[in-house]
């Protein structure tokens, strides 16, 4: 009878499970991405985070990663197990993957390998069965070690700096030991066919400026080199890459501003570091503080000021 069928324990259990699953899908499940942009350097591998909250087994779900501004828009599709590579954008071929072992825990993050400048943009992580999505913003940057040429002149020391392979477009500045900008010729910036920038500049430093620093900055990255360029300055011209400057000068400091942050060094006895979040890239005053701290750390007989 109808009453007997509804009284079947196995049927009641199945109905209860379906009700629980439907409630979980409709009310609780969300697709969550990061609240801030994800940054990557050209050539690196990057993970675009995305997960289900609360955690659910996503192995049997369809997971669509797309870039709405591209045609075709599909970057990576997971459907009932194997990756589906049909109708994918060709520029992402063999460069995308999901973490299969983490799908059961609701982690649907996308790994993007060998990042290119063209990868910068907004990505959509969409779960059709939940009709939920998350938008992840990827920002791509590039930088390289600068080359510094040092030579003597009648009025002091001539410093020439060139750095290739930057993105976004960088700026180059020279600072004295007090963090003040030095008068220098206008930097020359050239964009190559690969979309990357080369920046160069030169300055003549008088002996009154015994400690000098230059820094190259873009929206994402800062590179600082500082030191006493009058110490052991050769009589002939020389060309030093960033890897070798540390031997002849006081310090080489590389500052990577990931999602608009730089390392802010506190001037205490332990030299403790702290992450600082400026509103726009790398700040001149902040960099002068970094410079002061590093001069103290590397100059013989000097201690960090408290």
Protein backbone atom coordinates (compact mmCIF):
# COMPACT_ATOMS: atom_id res chain seq x y z
CA UNK A 1 0.00 0.00 0.00
CA UNK A 2 0.90 3.69 -0.24
CA UNK A 3 1.28 3.91 3.56
CA UNK A 4 3.56 0.87 3.66
CA UNK A 5 5.79 2.30 0.89
CA UNK A 6 6.26 5.56 2.77
CA UNK A 7 7.05 3.56 5.90
CA UNK A 8 10.00 1.80 4.23
CA UNK A 9 13.06 2.77 6.35
CA UNK A 10 15.43 2.75 3.37
CA UNK A 11 13.16 5.12 1.44
CA UNK A 12 12.91 7.48 4.39
CA UNK A 13 16.68 7.57 4.73
CA UNK A 14 17.04 8.37 1.00
CA UNK A 15 14.49 11.18 1.24
CA UNK A 16 16.25 12.61 4.29
CA UNK A 17 19.59 12.58 2.49
CA UNK A 18 18.12 14.35 -0.54
CA UNK A 19 16.52 17.00 1.66
CA UNK A 20 19.81 17.58 3.49
CA UNK A 21 21.79 17.80 0.23
CA UNK A 22 19.25 20.16 -1.37
CA UNK A 23 19.28 22.38 1.73
CA UNK A 24 23.09 22.41 1.72
CA UNK A 25 23.23 23.37 -1.96
CA UNK A 26 20.55 26.06 -1.76
CA UNK A 27 21.38 27.71 1.54
CA UNK A 28 24.91 27.03 2.66
CA UNK A 29 27.21 26.49 -0.30
CA UNK A 30 29.21 29.47 -1.57
CA UNK A 31 32.09 29.77 -4.03
CA UNK A 32 34.78 31.88 -2.38
CA UNK A 33 37.72 33.65 -3.99
CA UNK A 34 40.39 35.94 -2.50
CA UNK A 35 39.33 39.45 -1.44
CA UNK A 36 42.37 41.04 -3.10
CA UNK A 37 44.11 40.64 -6.47
CA UNK A 38 46.53 37.76 -6.95
CA UNK A 39 50.01 38.84 -8.06
CA UNK A 40 52.50 36.90 -10.15
CA UNK A 41 55.77 37.55 -11.93
CA UNK A 42 56.22 36.65 -15.58
CA UNK A 43 57.49 33.08 -15.91
CA UNK A 44 56.31 31.98 -12.47
CA UNK A 45 53.55 29.53 -11.59
CA UNK A 46 50.58 30.99 -9.73
CA UNK A 47 47.54 29.60 -7.93
CA UNK A 48 44.19 31.33 -8.35
CA UNK A 49 42.48 30.41 -5.05
CA UNK A 50 38.85 29.29 -5.05
CA UNK A 51 36.99 26.99 -2.66
CA UNK A 52 33.55 25.91 -1.53
CA UNK A 53 32.38 27.10 1.85
CA UNK A 54 31.44 25.08 3.75
CA UNK A 55 33.70 22.43 2.25
CA UNK A 56 31.95 19.96 -0.08
CA UNK A 57 33.14 17.13 -2.29
CA UNK A 58 33.56 18.71 -5.73
CA UNK A 59 34.88 15.64 -7.58
CA UNK A 60 31.51 14.91 -9.21
CA UNK A 61 30.75 18.57 -9.89
CA UNK A 62 31.43 20.62 -13.00
CA UNK A 63 33.99 23.36 -12.38
CA UNK A 64 34.39 26.03 -15.04
CA UNK A 65 37.31 28.45 -15.12
CA UNK A 66 36.83 31.19 -17.70
CA UNK A 67 38.06 34.63 -18.75
CA UNK A 68 34.97 36.58 -19.85
CA UNK A 69 37.05 38.93 -22.03
CA UNK A 70 38.40 36.12 -24.24
CA UNK A 71 36.89 34.04 -27.05
CA UNK A 72 36.64 31.19 -26.43
CA UNK A 73 36.33 32.13 -22.79
CA UNK A 74 37.06 28.69 -21.31
CA UNK A 75 40.41 28.30 -19.57
CA UNK A 76 39.87 24.98 -17.78
CA UNK A 77 36.81 22.77 -17.28
CA UNK A 78 36.47 19.85 -14.86
CA UNK A 79 33.38 17.70 -15.46
CA UNK A 80 32.61 14.43 -13.66
CA UNK A 81 36.24 13.47 -13.29
CA UNK A 82 38.65 14.13 -16.15
CA UNK A 83 39.65 17.58 -17.36
CA UNK A 84 37.76 18.71 -20.46
CA UNK A 85 40.08 20.43 -22.92
CA UNK A 86 37.54 20.99 -25.71
CA UNK A 87 36.92 24.63 -26.73
CA UNK A 88 39.68 25.91 -24.47
CA UNK A 89 41.52 29.09 -25.32
CA UNK A 90 44.73 28.05 -27.08
CA UNK A 91 46.96 30.44 -25.12
CA UNK A 92 46.28 28.37 -21.98
CA UNK A 93 46.96 24.98 -23.55
CA UNK A 94 48.87 22.67 -21.16
CA UNK A 95 49.28 25.48 -18.63
CA UNK A 96 46.27 24.93 -16.36
CA UNK A 97 45.36 22.25 -13.82
CA UNK A 98 43.25 21.62 -10.74
CA UNK A 99 44.41 19.95 -7.54
CA UNK A 100 42.60 16.63 -7.91
CA UNK A 101 43.51 15.44 -4.42
CA UNK A 102 41.95 18.57 -2.91
CA UNK A 103 38.64 18.53 -4.80
CA UNK A 104 37.04 16.29 -2.17
CA UNK A 105 37.65 19.05 0.37
CA UNK A 106 36.02 21.68 -1.83
CA UNK A 107 39.24 23.24 -3.12
CA UNK A 108 38.70 24.13 -6.79
CA UNK A 109 41.73 26.41 -7.14
CA UNK A 110 43.37 26.72 -10.54
CA UNK A 111 47.12 26.42 -11.06
CA UNK A 112 48.43 28.50 -13.95
CA UNK A 113 51.97 27.69 -15.09
CA UNK A 114 54.56 29.86 -16.83
CA UNK A 115 52.62 33.11 -16.39
CA UNK A 116 52.61 35.55 -19.32
CA UNK A 117 51.85 39.26 -19.49
CA UNK A 118 48.72 38.40 -21.49
CA UNK A 119 47.41 36.34 -18.55
CA UNK A 120 46.62 39.51 -16.60
CA UNK A 121 42.88 39.96 -16.16
CA UNK A 122 39.74 38.76 -14.38
CA UNK A 123 39.04 35.04 -14.01
CA UNK A 124 35.66 33.46 -13.23
CA UNK A 125 35.36 30.29 -11.17
CA UNK A 126 31.83 28.94 -11.70
CA UNK A 127 30.02 25.86 -10.32
CA UNK A 128 26.89 25.27 -12.48
CA UNK A 129 25.21 22.87 -10.03
CA UNK A 130 25.34 25.55 -7.34
CA UNK A 131 24.90 28.47 -9.74
CA UNK A 132 27.62 30.23 -7.76
CA UNK A 133 30.74 32.02 -8.91
CA UNK A 134 33.81 33.91 -7.72
CA UNK A 135 35.84 36.48 -9.64
CA UNK A 136 39.62 36.41 -9.21
CA UNK A 137 41.75 39.31 -10.43
CA UNK A 138 45.26 38.36 -11.62
CA UNK A 139 47.88 41.11 -11.85
CA UNK A 140 51.14 40.29 -13.63
CA UNK A 141 54.47 42.03 -13.10
CA UNK A 142 58.05 41.62 -14.29
CA UNK A 143 61.44 42.83 -13.09
CA UNK A 144 65.12 42.04 -13.46
CA UNK A 145 68.37 42.80 -11.67
CA UNK A 146 69.80 46.19 -12.69
CA UNK A 147 73.30 46.69 -14.07
CA UNK A 148 75.29 49.50 -12.45
CA UNK A 149 78.25 51.17 -14.14
CA UNK A 150 80.61 53.14 -11.89
CA UNK A 151 83.29 55.53 -13.19
CA UNK A 152 85.30 58.46 -11.87
CA UNK A 153 85.02 62.02 -13.10
CA UNK A 154 86.66 65.31 -12.13
CA UNK A 155 83.64 66.24 -10.02
CA UNK A 156 83.05 62.91 -8.32
CA UNK A 157 81.67 59.54 -9.35
CA UNK A 158 79.39 58.88 -12.32
CA UNK A 159 76.76 56.21 -11.70
CA UNK A 160 74.81 54.70 -14.58
CA UNK A 161 71.99 52.23 -14.03
CA UNK A 162 70.08 50.16 -16.56
CA UNK A 163 67.45 47.52 -15.91
CA UNK A 164 65.56 45.48 -18.49
CA UNK A 165 62.44 43.37 -18.43
CA UNK A 166 60.04 45.45 -16.29
CA UNK A 167 56.26 45.54 -16.22
CA UNK A 168 54.30 47.71 -15.49
CA UNK A 169 56.32 50.73 -16.67
CA UNK A 170 58.89 51.54 -13.97
CA UNK A 171 60.42 54.72 -12.61
CA UNK A 172 64.04 55.14 -11.50
CA UNK A 173 65.17 57.56 -8.78
CA UNK A 174 68.44 58.38 -7.00
CA UNK A 175 68.51 59.16 -3.26
CA UNK A 176 71.14 60.47 -0.90
CA UNK A 177 71.69 59.10 2.62
CA UNK A 178 68.91 61.35 3.96
CA UNK A 179 66.40 59.97 1.51
CA UNK A 180 66.36 63.15 -0.60
CA UNK A 181 66.12 62.94 -4.36
CA UNK A 182 69.35 63.69 -6.21
CA UNK A 183 69.40 65.83 -9.31
CA UNK A 184 69.85 63.53 -12.29
CA UNK A 185 69.06 63.45 -15.96
CA UNK A 186 65.60 62.33 -16.98
CA UNK A 187 65.41 58.52 -17.03
CA UNK A 188 65.01 56.92 -20.44
CA UNK A 189 62.27 54.32 -20.73
CA UNK A 190 61.80 52.10 -23.79
CA UNK A 191 59.15 49.43 -24.34
CA UNK A 192 60.25 46.38 -26.30
CA UNK A 193 58.23 44.20 -28.70
CA UNK A 194 57.64 41.73 -25.85
CA UNK A 195 55.78 44.42 -23.89
CA UNK A 196 58.53 44.72 -21.26
CA UNK A 197 60.23 48.00 -20.36
CA UNK A 198 63.91 48.95 -20.14
CA UNK A 199 64.77 51.93 -17.94
CA UNK A 200 68.13 53.69 -17.61
CA UNK A 201 69.50 56.76 -15.83
CA UNK A 202 72.80 58.37 -14.81
CA UNK A 203 73.87 60.74 -12.05
CA UNK A 204 77.13 62.40 -11.02
CA UNK A 205 77.70 62.12 -7.28
CA UNK A 206 79.91 64.56 -5.39
CA UNK A 207 81.94 63.48 -2.40
CA UNK A 208 79.53 65.29 -0.11
CA UNK A 209 77.10 62.46 -0.90
CA UNK A 210 79.11 59.51 0.37
CA UNK A 211 76.08 57.24 0.64
CA UNK A 212 73.80 56.96 -2.36
CA UNK A 213 70.89 54.70 -3.22
CA UNK A 214 68.88 54.20 -6.35
CA UNK A 215 65.57 52.47 -6.59
CA UNK A 216 63.45 51.31 -9.45
CA UNK A 217 59.76 50.99 -8.80
CA UNK A 218 56.60 50.03 -10.57
CA UNK A 219 53.10 49.56 -9.19
CA UNK A 220 54.10 46.08 -7.99
CA UNK A 221 57.84 45.93 -7.48
CA UNK A 222 60.74 47.85 -6.00
CA UNK A 223 64.44 47.21 -6.35
CA UNK A 224 66.89 49.11 -4.15
CA UNK A 225 70.69 49.21 -4.22
CA UNK A 226 72.59 51.45 -1.83
CA UNK A 227 76.14 51.97 -0.64
CA UNK A 228 79.23 54.16 -0.33
CA UNK A 229 80.23 54.42 -3.96
CA UNK A 230 83.40 56.35 -3.09
CA UNK A 231 84.75 53.40 -1.09
CA UNK A 232 87.25 51.41 -3.20
CA UNK A 233 86.07 53.12 -6.39
CA UNK A 234 88.30 51.83 -9.21
CA UNK A 235 90.47 54.16 -11.26
CA UNK A 236 89.09 52.65 -14.44
CA UNK A 237 85.49 52.21 -15.47
CA UNK A 238 83.75 49.06 -14.31
CA UNK A 239 80.45 47.36 -14.90
CA UNK A 240 78.87 45.46 -12.02
CA UNK A 241 75.73 43.37 -12.06
CA UNK A 242 73.45 43.37 -9.03
CA UNK A 243 74.78 39.96 -7.98
CA UNK A 244 78.31 41.34 -7.59
CA UNK A 245 77.59 44.79 -6.14
CA UNK A 246 77.27 43.34 -2.64
CA UNK A 247 81.00 42.54 -2.69
CA UNK A 248 82.14 46.13 -3.30
CA UNK A 249 79.30 48.10 -1.72
CA UNK A 250 77.36 48.21 1.48
CA UNK A 251 74.15 46.34 0.67
CA UNK A 252 71.84 45.01 -1.93
CA UNK A 253 68.20 44.97 -0.91
CA UNK A 254 65.40 43.57 -3.00
CA UNK A 255 61.92 44.68 -2.01
CA UNK A 256 58.99 42.87 -3.61
CA UNK A 257 55.67 44.67 -3.07
CA UNK A 258 53.12 41.85 -3.30
CA UNK A 259 49.61 43.30 -3.66
CA UNK A 260 50.76 46.84 -2.86
CA UNK A 261 52.97 46.02 0.13
CA UNK A 262 56.62 46.47 0.98
CA UNK A 263 58.71 45.40 3.92
CA UNK A 264 58.95 48.16 6.53
CA UNK A 265 61.94 47.70 8.83
CA UNK A 266 61.51 48.88 12.40
CA UNK A 267 64.59 50.59 13.86
CA UNK A 268 65.06 48.54 16.99
CA UNK A 269 67.90 46.48 18.37
CA UNK A 270 66.61 43.25 16.89
CA UNK A 271 66.13 44.71 13.42
CA UNK A 272 62.61 43.34 13.43
CA UNK A 273 60.68 43.51 10.14
CA UNK A 274 57.04 44.27 9.59
CA UNK A 275 54.83 44.22 6.52
CA UNK A 276 53.46 47.62 5.51
CA UNK A 277 50.53 48.24 3.20
CA UNK A 278 50.91 51.58 1.39
CA UNK A 279 48.02 52.95 -0.65
CA UNK A 280 50.00 53.13 -3.91
CA UNK A 281 53.03 50.99 -4.57
CA UNK A 282 56.32 51.97 -2.93
CA UNK A 283 56.59 55.24 -1.06
CA UNK A 284 59.69 57.49 -1.24
CA UNK A 285 59.63 58.23 2.50
CA UNK A 286 59.30 54.54 3.28
CA UNK A 287 62.23 53.71 1.03
CA UNK A 288 64.38 56.35 2.72
CA UNK A 289 63.62 54.67 6.06
CA UNK A 290 64.66 51.33 4.60
CA UNK A 291 67.84 52.93 3.31
CA UNK A 292 68.68 54.46 6.72
CA UNK A 293 68.20 51.14 8.48
CA UNK A 294 70.37 49.23 6.02
CA UNK A 295 73.16 51.81 6.13
CA UNK A 296 73.16 51.39 9.92
CA UNK A 297 73.18 47.61 9.65
CA UNK A 298 76.07 47.39 7.21
CA UNK A 299 78.35 50.31 8.15
CA UNK A 300 81.12 49.19 10.58
CA UNK A 301 80.67 50.54 14.09
CA UNK A 302 77.05 51.53 13.53
CA UNK A 303 74.09 50.01 15.31
CA UNK A 304 70.41 50.14 14.57
CA UNK A 305 68.83 53.22 16.05
CA UNK A 306 66.02 52.55 18.48
